[in-house]
Every structure is written in C-alpha cells, then in structure tokens.
Amino acid sequence: MTIFSPIFAGKLVRLAPPQPEDMPIVASWTHDDDYMRNLDDDPIRPMSVEQIAQQPQHGDYGFHIRTLEQDLLIGFVSLFNLKWRNQTAELAIGIGNPDYRGRGYGSDALRLILRYGFDELNLHHIALTVMDYNSSAIRAYERVGFIKEGARREFIVRNGQRYDLLMYGMLRDEWLATLES
C-alpha cells in the first residue's frame, strides 16, 4: 500500500526524462510556426537534430510529456531559474504535437509539474509568462489555478504588432486549495 500520490503520472500523461531518440521529434516541432510563436518571444527558426542536441534541455528540472495510452512524446514541461533561498521557480510548457493541443494533455502535465514543484521541491511560488495572444495557454493556466500577477505592456513584437507579456503565478496555498475543490 502506497501512502503517496503518483508524482510522475497523471490522468492522460506522464513526465519522463528526455531521451536521445526524442531529439528528431523535438526538432520537428521547431518547424511549426504556431508552436514556436506561442512558446517563446525569441525570433523563431527551424532547427536540426544536431542544433537541438546542443541546447540545454528544458532547464533545471525538465521533463518530456508522454501520453499514458501510447507512450507518445507530445511536449515538454520544465521548472527553471530556481531560487532555493526564496523557494521560487519559473515554469515553461509546450505541447509540440498539434494533435494533442486543446484536449487536456497540457493541463494534466501542468498539474503534475505543480505537484512536483510544491511537494517534491518544496517551492512556495511558481511563475510563468505568456504572450497575451496565446488564449488557449492562458485558459489552461487559469484552469489549474494560476493567477495573473501583471503584464509587461507591449513587450513582444510579432509581424510588426506589439503584444503584452502576461505574468502569472501560483503560491503553495493556492495550489493546495485547488486540490480540495
């Protein structure tokens, strides 16, 4: 009999370590304009397997997101920029496989990484940023309990138009409250 909740497996996905054989799939995601423009505010560019392999993989505590049903690699999630003294971290997530966007897989992965961050790493605050035009990500963040903390106004330029970079966060107590509901 186990007394602990599963930490790496949710209802739809599990968190897994990155594997060398994952790199061609991850590289293929960089060829998806929508994915790349929603993921980061850096200029986008398609990348090769070699370029992906040379990059640091998803920060300090990064995982690949795999489906429970078929063990299919569909994305990544990461806690990075950890400040142990302050018990804080930043979060990044991307669902690279378009067939799994908007179907609850990202929300399931978010719940897992939050459990990992608050329970296993003993964090107090987890933050993230999102472009204001990424409404599906904003809905997922708010669905799992993230609260908008502010905005960097007109911080992002895409196709000659300016967008806000929204800042979201969650405190340990807020996360615990989502478990009770």
N, C-alpha and C. Protein backbone atom coordinates (compact mmCIF):
# COMPACT_ATOMS: atom_id res chain seq x y z
N MET A 1 0.84 -1.19 0.00
CA MET A 1 0.00 0.00 0.00
C MET A 1 0.88 1.25 0.00
N THR A 2 0.65 2.13 -0.96
CA THR A 2 1.42 3.37 -1.03
C THR A 2 0.67 4.50 -0.35
N ILE A 3 1.39 5.36 0.34
CA ILE A 3 0.76 6.49 1.02
C ILE A 3 0.95 7.79 0.24
N PHE A 4 1.69 7.74 -0.85
CA PHE A 4 1.96 8.93 -1.64
C PHE A 4 1.20 8.91 -2.95
N SER A 5 0.82 10.09 -3.42
CA SER A 5 0.19 10.20 -4.74
C SER A 5 1.26 10.00 -5.80
N PRO A 6 0.89 9.44 -6.95
CA PRO A 6 1.88 9.33 -8.03
C PRO A 6 2.36 10.73 -8.43
N ILE A 7 3.66 10.86 -8.56
CA ILE A 7 4.20 12.19 -8.85
C ILE A 7 4.48 12.40 -10.34
N PHE A 8 4.72 11.34 -11.08
CA PHE A 8 5.08 11.50 -12.48
C PHE A 8 4.00 11.05 -13.45
N ALA A 9 2.87 10.54 -12.97
CA ALA A 9 1.80 10.08 -13.86
C ALA A 9 0.49 10.73 -13.47
N GLY A 10 -0.18 11.30 -14.48
CA GLY A 10 -1.48 11.92 -14.27
C GLY A 10 -2.58 11.06 -14.87
N LYS A 11 -3.64 11.72 -15.33
CA LYS A 11 -4.77 11.01 -15.94
C LYS A 11 -4.52 10.72 -17.41
N LEU A 12 -3.76 11.61 -18.07
CA LEU A 12 -3.52 11.48 -19.51
C LEU A 12 -2.06 11.33 -19.88
N VAL A 13 -1.17 11.89 -19.05
CA VAL A 13 0.25 11.94 -19.41
C VAL A 13 1.13 11.52 -18.23
N ARG A 14 2.39 11.31 -18.58
CA ARG A 14 3.41 11.10 -17.56
C ARG A 14 4.59 11.99 -17.89
N LEU A 15 5.36 12.33 -16.87
CA LEU A 15 6.58 13.11 -17.05
C LEU A 15 7.74 12.12 -17.15
N ALA A 16 8.54 12.27 -18.19
CA ALA A 16 9.63 11.33 -18.45
C ALA A 16 10.91 12.11 -18.72
N PRO A 17 12.06 11.47 -18.48
CA PRO A 17 13.32 12.15 -18.81
C PRO A 17 13.50 12.23 -20.32
N PRO A 18 14.13 13.31 -20.82
CA PRO A 18 14.44 13.38 -22.25
C PRO A 18 15.39 12.25 -22.64
N GLN A 19 15.15 11.68 -23.81
CA GLN A 19 15.98 10.60 -24.34
C GLN A 19 16.60 11.04 -25.67
N PRO A 20 17.77 10.52 -26.02
CA PRO A 20 18.39 10.90 -27.30
C PRO A 20 17.46 10.63 -28.50
N GLU A 21 16.69 9.56 -28.45
CA GLU A 21 15.81 9.24 -29.57
C GLU A 21 14.62 10.21 -29.69
N ASP A 22 14.43 11.06 -28.68
CA ASP A 22 13.37 12.08 -28.74
C ASP A 22 13.76 13.28 -29.60
N MET A 23 15.06 13.48 -29.80
CA MET A 23 15.53 14.71 -30.43
C MET A 23 14.97 14.97 -31.84
N PRO A 24 14.82 13.96 -32.71
CA PRO A 24 14.21 14.25 -34.02
C PRO A 24 12.77 14.77 -33.90
N ILE A 25 12.03 14.26 -32.93
CA ILE A 25 10.65 14.74 -32.74
C ILE A 25 10.66 16.18 -32.24
N VAL A 26 11.51 16.46 -31.25
CA VAL A 26 11.61 17.81 -30.71
C VAL A 26 12.05 18.78 -31.81
N ALA A 27 13.00 18.38 -32.63
CA ALA A 27 13.45 19.23 -33.74
C ALA A 27 12.31 19.49 -34.72
N SER A 28 11.47 18.50 -34.97
CA SER A 28 10.35 18.69 -35.91
C SER A 28 9.37 19.74 -35.41
N TRP A 29 9.21 19.86 -34.09
CA TRP A 29 8.30 20.88 -33.55
C TRP A 29 8.76 22.28 -33.90
N THR A 30 10.08 22.49 -34.07
CA THR A 30 10.58 23.84 -34.37
C THR A 30 10.21 24.28 -35.78
N HIS A 31 9.66 23.40 -36.56
CA HIS A 31 9.20 23.74 -37.92
C HIS A 31 7.75 24.19 -37.92
N ASP A 32 7.09 24.19 -36.77
CA ASP A 32 5.69 24.59 -36.61
C ASP A 32 5.65 26.04 -36.14
N ASP A 33 5.28 26.95 -37.05
CA ASP A 33 5.27 28.39 -36.74
C ASP A 33 4.40 28.72 -35.53
N ASP A 34 3.18 28.16 -35.48
CA ASP A 34 2.28 28.47 -34.38
C ASP A 34 2.87 28.04 -33.05
N TYR A 35 3.40 26.84 -32.99
CA TYR A 35 4.02 26.33 -31.76
C TYR A 35 5.14 27.27 -31.32
N MET A 36 6.03 27.61 -32.23
CA MET A 36 7.19 28.42 -31.88
C MET A 36 6.80 29.84 -31.47
N ARG A 37 5.81 30.43 -32.13
CA ARG A 37 5.40 31.80 -31.79
C ARG A 37 4.66 31.87 -30.46
N ASN A 38 4.06 30.75 -30.04
CA ASN A 38 3.39 30.72 -28.75
C ASN A 38 4.33 30.31 -27.62
N LEU A 39 5.42 29.67 -27.96
CA LEU A 39 6.33 29.13 -26.96
C LEU A 39 7.25 30.18 -26.35
N ASP A 40 7.74 31.08 -27.19
CA ASP A 40 8.80 31.98 -26.72
C ASP A 40 8.72 33.28 -27.51
N ASP A 41 9.33 34.33 -26.95
CA ASP A 41 9.34 35.61 -27.64
C ASP A 41 10.61 35.82 -28.47
N ASP A 42 11.49 34.83 -28.50
CA ASP A 42 12.68 34.91 -29.34
C ASP A 42 12.29 34.75 -30.81
N PRO A 43 13.13 35.26 -31.71
CA PRO A 43 12.86 35.01 -33.13
C PRO A 43 12.83 33.50 -33.40
N ILE A 44 11.87 33.07 -34.19
CA ILE A 44 11.73 31.64 -34.44
C ILE A 44 12.61 31.22 -35.61
N ARG A 45 13.00 29.94 -35.57
CA ARG A 45 13.74 29.35 -36.69
C ARG A 45 13.65 27.84 -36.57
N PRO A 46 13.54 27.17 -37.70
CA PRO A 46 13.57 25.71 -37.64
C PRO A 46 14.97 25.25 -37.24
N MET A 47 15.01 24.15 -36.50
CA MET A 47 16.30 23.66 -36.02
C MET A 47 16.49 22.20 -36.42
N SER A 48 17.74 21.83 -36.55
CA SER A 48 18.10 20.45 -36.87
C SER A 48 18.22 19.65 -35.58
N VAL A 49 18.31 18.34 -35.72
CA VAL A 49 18.51 17.46 -34.57
C VAL A 49 19.81 17.84 -33.85
N GLU A 50 20.85 18.13 -34.62
CA GLU A 50 22.14 18.49 -34.03
C GLU A 50 22.04 19.78 -33.23
N GLN A 51 21.31 20.76 -33.74
CA GLN A 51 21.15 22.01 -33.01
C GLN A 51 20.35 21.80 -31.72
N ILE A 52 19.31 20.99 -31.78
CA ILE A 52 18.51 20.69 -30.60
C ILE A 52 19.37 19.97 -29.56
N ALA A 53 20.17 19.02 -29.99
CA ALA A 53 21.00 18.24 -29.08
C ALA A 53 22.03 19.11 -28.36
N GLN A 54 22.45 20.21 -28.98
CA GLN A 54 23.45 21.10 -28.39
C GLN A 54 22.85 22.05 -27.35
N GLN A 55 21.54 22.23 -27.39
CA GLN A 55 20.89 23.16 -26.46
C GLN A 55 20.66 22.50 -25.10
N PRO A 56 20.69 23.30 -24.05
CA PRO A 56 20.32 22.75 -22.75
C PRO A 56 18.87 22.27 -22.82
N GLN A 57 18.60 21.12 -22.25
CA GLN A 57 17.27 20.54 -22.36
C GLN A 57 16.35 20.96 -21.23
N HIS A 58 15.59 21.98 -21.46
CA HIS A 58 14.44 22.34 -20.64
C HIS A 58 14.77 22.73 -19.20
N GLY A 59 15.86 23.37 -18.98
CA GLY A 59 16.10 23.96 -17.68
C GLY A 59 16.53 22.97 -16.60
N ASP A 60 16.42 23.43 -15.38
CA ASP A 60 16.92 22.70 -14.22
C ASP A 60 16.17 21.39 -13.96
N TYR A 61 14.86 21.45 -14.01
CA TYR A 61 14.03 20.27 -13.78
C TYR A 61 13.08 20.15 -14.96
N GLY A 62 13.60 19.59 -16.05
CA GLY A 62 12.83 19.47 -17.28
C GLY A 62 12.44 18.04 -17.56
N PHE A 63 11.25 17.88 -18.10
CA PHE A 63 10.71 16.57 -18.42
C PHE A 63 10.08 16.59 -19.80
N HIS A 64 10.05 15.44 -20.43
CA HIS A 64 9.25 15.28 -21.63
C HIS A 64 7.88 14.79 -21.21
N ILE A 65 6.88 15.22 -21.94
CA ILE A 65 5.50 14.81 -21.68
C ILE A 65 5.17 13.68 -22.64
N ARG A 66 4.78 12.54 -22.09
CA ARG A 66 4.42 11.37 -22.89
C ARG A 66 3.00 10.94 -22.52
N THR A 67 2.23 10.50 -23.52
CA THR A 67 0.87 10.03 -23.25
C THR A 67 0.93 8.72 -22.49
N LEU A 68 -0.04 8.52 -21.62
CA LEU A 68 -0.13 7.24 -20.91
C LEU A 68 -0.59 6.14 -21.85
N GLU A 69 -1.53 6.48 -22.74
CA GLU A 69 -2.14 5.48 -23.60
C GLU A 69 -1.16 4.85 -24.58
N GLN A 70 -0.37 5.67 -25.27
CA GLN A 70 0.52 5.15 -26.32
C GLN A 70 2.01 5.42 -26.07
N ASP A 71 2.32 6.05 -24.94
CA ASP A 71 3.70 6.44 -24.64
C ASP A 71 4.29 7.31 -25.74
N LEU A 72 3.46 8.21 -26.28
CA LEU A 72 3.85 9.09 -27.38
C LEU A 72 4.39 10.40 -26.82
N LEU A 73 5.55 10.83 -27.30
CA LEU A 73 6.12 12.12 -26.91
C LEU A 73 5.29 13.23 -27.52
N ILE A 74 4.73 14.12 -26.67
CA ILE A 74 3.88 15.19 -27.19
C ILE A 74 4.35 16.58 -26.78
N GLY A 75 5.29 16.68 -25.83
CA GLY A 75 5.71 18.01 -25.39
C GLY A 75 6.76 17.96 -24.30
N PHE A 76 6.92 19.10 -23.66
CA PHE A 76 7.87 19.21 -22.55
C PHE A 76 7.29 20.13 -21.49
N VAL A 77 7.80 20.00 -20.28
CA VAL A 77 7.47 20.92 -19.20
C VAL A 77 8.72 21.06 -18.33
N SER A 78 8.92 22.24 -17.77
CA SER A 78 10.16 22.49 -17.05
C SER A 78 9.97 23.49 -15.93
N LEU A 79 10.69 23.28 -14.85
CA LEU A 79 10.88 24.28 -13.82
C LEU A 79 12.33 24.75 -13.94
N PHE A 80 12.51 26.06 -14.04
CA PHE A 80 13.86 26.60 -14.24
C PHE A 80 14.01 27.89 -13.43
N ASN A 81 15.20 28.43 -13.46
CA ASN A 81 15.52 29.64 -12.72
C ASN A 81 15.10 29.50 -11.25
N LEU A 82 15.43 28.36 -10.67
CA LEU A 82 15.08 28.10 -9.27
C LEU A 82 15.92 28.99 -8.36
N LYS A 83 15.26 29.58 -7.40
CA LYS A 83 15.91 30.37 -6.35
C LYS A 83 15.60 29.67 -5.04
N TRP A 84 16.52 28.81 -4.61
CA TRP A 84 16.26 27.97 -3.45
C TRP A 84 16.00 28.78 -2.20
N ARG A 85 16.76 29.85 -2.00
CA ARG A 85 16.59 30.68 -0.81
C ARG A 85 15.17 31.23 -0.72
N ASN A 86 14.61 31.60 -1.87
CA ASN A 86 13.27 32.19 -1.91
C ASN A 86 12.18 31.15 -2.16
N GLN A 87 12.57 29.92 -2.49
CA GLN A 87 11.64 28.83 -2.81
C GLN A 87 10.75 29.19 -4.01
N THR A 88 11.39 29.71 -5.06
CA THR A 88 10.66 30.12 -6.26
C THR A 88 11.25 29.46 -7.50
N ALA A 89 10.43 29.38 -8.54
CA ALA A 89 10.88 28.87 -9.83
C ALA A 89 9.98 29.44 -10.91
N GLU A 90 10.46 29.33 -12.15
CA GLU A 90 9.65 29.66 -13.31
C GLU A 90 9.29 28.37 -14.03
N LEU A 91 8.20 28.41 -14.75
CA LEU A 91 7.68 27.24 -15.43
C LEU A 91 7.58 27.53 -16.93
N ALA A 92 7.88 26.51 -17.74
CA ALA A 92 7.66 26.57 -19.19
C ALA A 92 7.04 25.26 -19.62
N ILE A 93 6.13 25.33 -20.58
CA ILE A 93 5.49 24.13 -21.11
C ILE A 93 5.22 24.34 -22.59
N GLY A 94 5.32 23.27 -23.35
CA GLY A 94 4.97 23.31 -24.76
C GLY A 94 4.41 21.96 -25.19
N ILE A 95 3.28 21.98 -25.85
CA ILE A 95 2.72 20.77 -26.45
C ILE A 95 3.06 20.85 -27.93
N GLY A 96 4.12 20.14 -28.31
CA GLY A 96 4.64 20.21 -29.67
C GLY A 96 3.80 19.48 -30.69
N ASN A 97 3.15 18.40 -30.29
CA ASN A 97 2.32 17.62 -31.21
C ASN A 97 0.96 18.29 -31.32
N PRO A 98 0.62 18.86 -32.47
CA PRO A 98 -0.64 19.61 -32.60
C PRO A 98 -1.89 18.77 -32.36
N ASP A 99 -1.81 17.46 -32.55
CA ASP A 99 -2.98 16.60 -32.31
C ASP A 99 -3.36 16.52 -30.84
N TYR A 100 -2.49 16.99 -29.95
CA TYR A 100 -2.74 16.88 -28.51
C TYR A 100 -2.94 18.24 -27.86
N ARG A 101 -3.07 19.28 -28.65
CA ARG A 101 -3.32 20.62 -28.11
C ARG A 101 -4.83 20.80 -27.90
N GLY A 102 -5.17 21.48 -26.82
CA GLY A 102 -6.57 21.79 -26.56
C GLY A 102 -7.41 20.60 -26.14
N ARG A 103 -6.77 19.54 -25.68
CA ARG A 103 -7.50 18.32 -25.31
C ARG A 103 -7.24 17.88 -23.87
N GLY A 104 -6.64 18.77 -23.06
CA GLY A 104 -6.43 18.48 -21.65
C GLY A 104 -5.08 17.89 -21.30
N TYR A 105 -4.27 17.57 -22.29
CA TYR A 105 -2.96 16.97 -22.02
C TYR A 105 -2.03 17.99 -21.34
N GLY A 106 -2.07 19.23 -21.80
CA GLY A 106 -1.24 20.26 -21.19
C GLY A 106 -1.65 20.55 -19.76
N SER A 107 -2.95 20.61 -19.51
CA SER A 107 -3.45 20.85 -18.15
C SER A 107 -3.03 19.71 -17.22
N ASP A 108 -3.10 18.49 -17.71
CA ASP A 108 -2.68 17.34 -16.90
C ASP A 108 -1.19 17.44 -16.57
N ALA A 109 -0.38 17.81 -17.56
CA ALA A 109 1.06 17.99 -17.33
C ALA A 109 1.33 19.13 -16.37
N LEU A 110 0.56 20.21 -16.46
CA LEU A 110 0.72 21.32 -15.53
C LEU A 110 0.45 20.88 -14.10
N ARG A 111 -0.61 20.11 -13.90
CA ARG A 111 -0.91 19.63 -12.54
C ARG A 111 0.24 18.77 -12.00
N LEU A 112 0.84 17.95 -12.87
CA LEU A 112 1.96 17.11 -12.43
C LEU A 112 3.18 17.94 -12.05
N ILE A 113 3.53 18.92 -12.88
CA ILE A 113 4.73 19.71 -12.58
C ILE A 113 4.50 20.59 -11.36
N LEU A 114 3.26 21.04 -11.15
CA LEU A 114 2.96 21.80 -9.93
C LEU A 114 3.10 20.92 -8.70
N ARG A 115 2.58 19.70 -8.77
CA ARG A 115 2.74 18.76 -7.65
C ARG A 115 4.22 18.51 -7.38
N TYR A 116 4.97 18.31 -8.45
CA TYR A 116 6.40 18.08 -8.30
C TYR A 116 7.07 19.30 -7.65
N GLY A 117 6.76 20.48 -8.15
CA GLY A 117 7.39 21.70 -7.63
C GLY A 117 7.03 21.99 -6.18
N PHE A 118 5.76 21.86 -5.85
CA PHE A 118 5.33 22.19 -4.49
C PHE A 118 5.61 21.06 -3.50
N ASP A 119 5.37 19.82 -3.90
CA ASP A 119 5.56 18.69 -2.97
C ASP A 119 7.02 18.24 -2.90
N GLU A 120 7.62 17.98 -4.04
CA GLU A 120 8.95 17.38 -4.07
C GLU A 120 10.07 18.40 -3.88
N LEU A 121 9.94 19.56 -4.52
CA LEU A 121 10.99 20.58 -4.43
C LEU A 121 10.73 21.60 -3.32
N ASN A 122 9.57 21.51 -2.69
CA ASN A 122 9.21 22.39 -1.59
C ASN A 122 9.22 23.87 -1.98
N LEU A 123 8.71 24.17 -3.17
CA LEU A 123 8.64 25.56 -3.62
C LEU A 123 7.47 26.27 -2.97
N HIS A 124 7.55 27.59 -2.94
CA HIS A 124 6.47 28.43 -2.41
C HIS A 124 5.74 29.17 -3.53
N HIS A 125 6.46 29.54 -4.60
CA HIS A 125 5.87 30.33 -5.69
C HIS A 125 6.41 29.81 -7.02
N ILE A 126 5.49 29.56 -7.95
CA ILE A 126 5.87 29.15 -9.31
C ILE A 126 5.27 30.18 -10.26
N ALA A 127 6.12 30.73 -11.13
CA ALA A 127 5.71 31.80 -12.04
C ALA A 127 5.87 31.34 -13.49
N LEU A 128 5.16 32.04 -14.37
CA LEU A 128 5.33 31.82 -15.81
C LEU A 128 4.97 33.10 -16.53
N THR A 129 5.39 33.18 -17.79
CA THR A 129 4.99 34.28 -18.66
C THR A 129 4.33 33.70 -19.90
N VAL A 130 3.42 34.48 -20.47
CA VAL A 130 2.70 34.05 -21.66
C VAL A 130 2.32 35.28 -22.48
N MET A 131 2.41 35.17 -23.80
CA MET A 131 2.01 36.26 -24.68
C MET A 131 0.50 36.41 -24.62
N ASP A 132 0.02 37.65 -24.62
CA ASP A 132 -1.42 37.86 -24.43
C ASP A 132 -2.27 37.32 -25.57
N TYR A 133 -1.66 37.01 -26.70
CA TYR A 133 -2.43 36.45 -27.81
C TYR A 133 -2.58 34.93 -27.71
N ASN A 134 -1.93 34.29 -26.75
CA ASN A 134 -1.99 32.84 -26.60
C ASN A 134 -3.15 32.47 -25.66
N SER A 135 -4.36 32.66 -26.15
CA SER A 135 -5.55 32.49 -25.30
C SER A 135 -5.74 31.05 -24.83
N SER A 136 -5.36 30.07 -25.62
CA SER A 136 -5.54 28.68 -25.17
C SER A 136 -4.62 28.36 -24.00
N ALA A 137 -3.39 28.86 -24.02
CA ALA A 137 -2.48 28.64 -22.89
C ALA A 137 -2.98 29.38 -21.66
N ILE A 138 -3.47 30.60 -21.83
CA ILE A 138 -3.99 31.38 -20.70
C ILE A 138 -5.14 30.63 -20.04
N ARG A 139 -6.05 30.08 -20.84
CA ARG A 139 -7.17 29.30 -20.27
C ARG A 139 -6.65 28.10 -19.48
N ALA A 140 -5.65 27.40 -20.02
CA ALA A 140 -5.09 26.23 -19.31
C ALA A 140 -4.44 26.66 -18.00
N TYR A 141 -3.69 27.75 -18.01
CA TYR A 141 -3.03 28.22 -16.79
C TYR A 141 -4.07 28.59 -15.73
N GLU A 142 -5.10 29.32 -16.15
CA GLU A 142 -6.13 29.73 -15.20
C GLU A 142 -6.94 28.53 -14.71
N ARG A 143 -7.16 27.55 -15.58
CA ARG A 143 -7.92 26.34 -15.21
C ARG A 143 -7.24 25.58 -14.07
N VAL A 144 -5.91 25.54 -14.06
CA VAL A 144 -5.21 24.81 -13.00
C VAL A 144 -4.92 25.68 -11.78
N GLY A 145 -5.27 26.98 -11.84
CA GLY A 145 -5.16 27.82 -10.66
C GLY A 145 -4.16 28.96 -10.70
N PHE A 146 -3.48 29.17 -11.82
CA PHE A 146 -2.57 30.31 -11.91
C PHE A 146 -3.36 31.61 -11.87
N ILE A 147 -2.76 32.64 -11.26
CA ILE A 147 -3.39 33.95 -11.13
C ILE A 147 -2.52 34.97 -11.87
N LYS A 148 -3.19 35.83 -12.63
CA LYS A 148 -2.46 36.89 -13.34
C LYS A 148 -1.90 37.87 -12.32
N GLU A 149 -0.58 38.08 -12.40
CA GLU A 149 0.10 38.96 -11.46
C GLU A 149 0.50 40.29 -12.07
N GLY A 150 0.49 40.38 -13.39
CA GLY A 150 0.87 41.64 -14.02
C GLY A 150 1.11 41.46 -15.50
N ALA A 151 1.62 42.52 -16.11
CA ALA A 151 1.90 42.49 -17.54
C ALA A 151 3.07 43.40 -17.86
N ARG A 152 3.85 42.98 -18.81
CA ARG A 152 4.86 43.84 -19.42
C ARG A 152 4.21 44.34 -20.70
N ARG A 153 3.78 45.58 -20.67
CA ARG A 153 2.99 46.13 -21.76
C ARG A 153 3.79 46.29 -23.05
N GLU A 154 3.17 45.87 -24.15
CA GLU A 154 3.76 45.99 -25.49
C GLU A 154 5.19 45.49 -25.53
N PHE A 155 5.45 44.37 -24.91
CA PHE A 155 6.77 43.81 -24.72
C PHE A 155 7.21 42.92 -25.88
N ILE A 156 6.26 42.38 -26.63
CA ILE A 156 6.53 41.42 -27.71
C ILE A 156 6.15 42.05 -29.05
N VAL A 157 6.99 41.83 -30.06
CA VAL A 157 6.67 42.26 -31.42
C VAL A 157 6.54 41.03 -32.29
N ARG A 158 5.41 40.89 -32.96
CA ARG A 158 5.15 39.82 -33.92
C ARG A 158 4.50 40.44 -35.14
N ASN A 159 5.10 40.24 -36.29
CA ASN A 159 4.57 40.78 -37.54
C ASN A 159 4.29 42.28 -37.46
N GLY A 160 5.18 43.01 -36.81
CA GLY A 160 5.07 44.46 -36.71
C GLY A 160 4.02 44.96 -35.73
N GLN A 161 3.41 44.06 -34.98
CA GLN A 161 2.39 44.45 -34.00
C GLN A 161 2.90 44.14 -32.59
N ARG A 162 2.56 44.99 -31.64
CA ARG A 162 3.02 44.82 -30.26
C ARG A 162 1.96 44.10 -29.42
N TYR A 163 2.48 43.23 -28.51
CA TYR A 163 1.62 42.45 -27.62
C TYR A 163 2.18 42.52 -26.20
N ASP A 164 1.30 42.34 -25.23
CA ASP A 164 1.72 42.30 -23.83
C ASP A 164 2.26 40.92 -23.49
N LEU A 165 3.22 40.89 -22.59
CA LEU A 165 3.71 39.65 -22.00
C LEU A 165 3.09 39.58 -20.60
N LEU A 166 2.21 38.60 -20.40
CA LEU A 166 1.49 38.48 -19.14
C LEU A 166 2.29 37.63 -18.16
N MET A 167 2.24 38.02 -16.89
CA MET A 167 2.94 37.29 -15.84
C MET A 167 1.90 36.63 -14.94
N TYR A 168 2.05 35.32 -14.77
CA TYR A 168 1.16 34.53 -13.93
C TYR A 168 1.96 33.87 -12.83
N GLY A 169 1.30 33.57 -11.72
CA GLY A 169 1.97 32.89 -10.63
C GLY A 169 1.00 32.09 -9.80
N MET A 170 1.57 31.19 -9.01
CA MET A 170 0.78 30.40 -8.07
C MET A 170 1.61 30.20 -6.81
N LEU A 171 0.94 30.39 -5.66
CA LEU A 171 1.55 30.14 -4.36
C LEU A 171 1.17 28.74 -3.89
N ARG A 172 1.98 28.20 -3.01
CA ARG A 172 1.72 26.86 -2.47
C ARG A 172 0.30 26.75 -1.91
N ASP A 173 -0.16 27.72 -1.12
CA ASP A 173 -1.50 27.66 -0.52
C ASP A 173 -2.59 27.67 -1.60
N GLU A 174 -2.37 28.42 -2.66
CA GLU A 174 -3.34 28.45 -3.77
C GLU A 174 -3.40 27.08 -4.45
N TRP A 175 -2.26 26.46 -4.61
CA TRP A 175 -2.22 25.13 -5.19
C TRP A 175 -2.94 24.12 -4.30
N LEU A 176 -2.67 24.18 -3.00
CA LEU A 176 -3.34 23.28 -2.06
C LEU A 176 -4.85 23.45 -2.12
N ALA A 177 -5.32 24.69 -2.30
CA ALA A 177 -6.76 24.95 -2.39
C ALA A 177 -7.37 24.31 -3.63
N THR A 178 -6.59 24.19 -4.72
CA THR A 178 -7.12 23.55 -5.92
C THR A 178 -7.30 22.04 -5.71
N LEU A 179 -6.53 21.47 -4.80
CA LEU A 179 -6.63 20.04 -4.52
C LEU A 179 -7.89 19.72 -3.73
N GLU A 180 -8.35 20.69 -2.95
CA GLU A 180 -9.54 20.49 -2.11
C GLU A 180 -10.82 20.63 -2.90
N SER A 181 -10.77 21.37 -4.02
CA SER A 181 -12.00 21.61 -4.81
C SER A 181 -12.28 20.51 -5.79
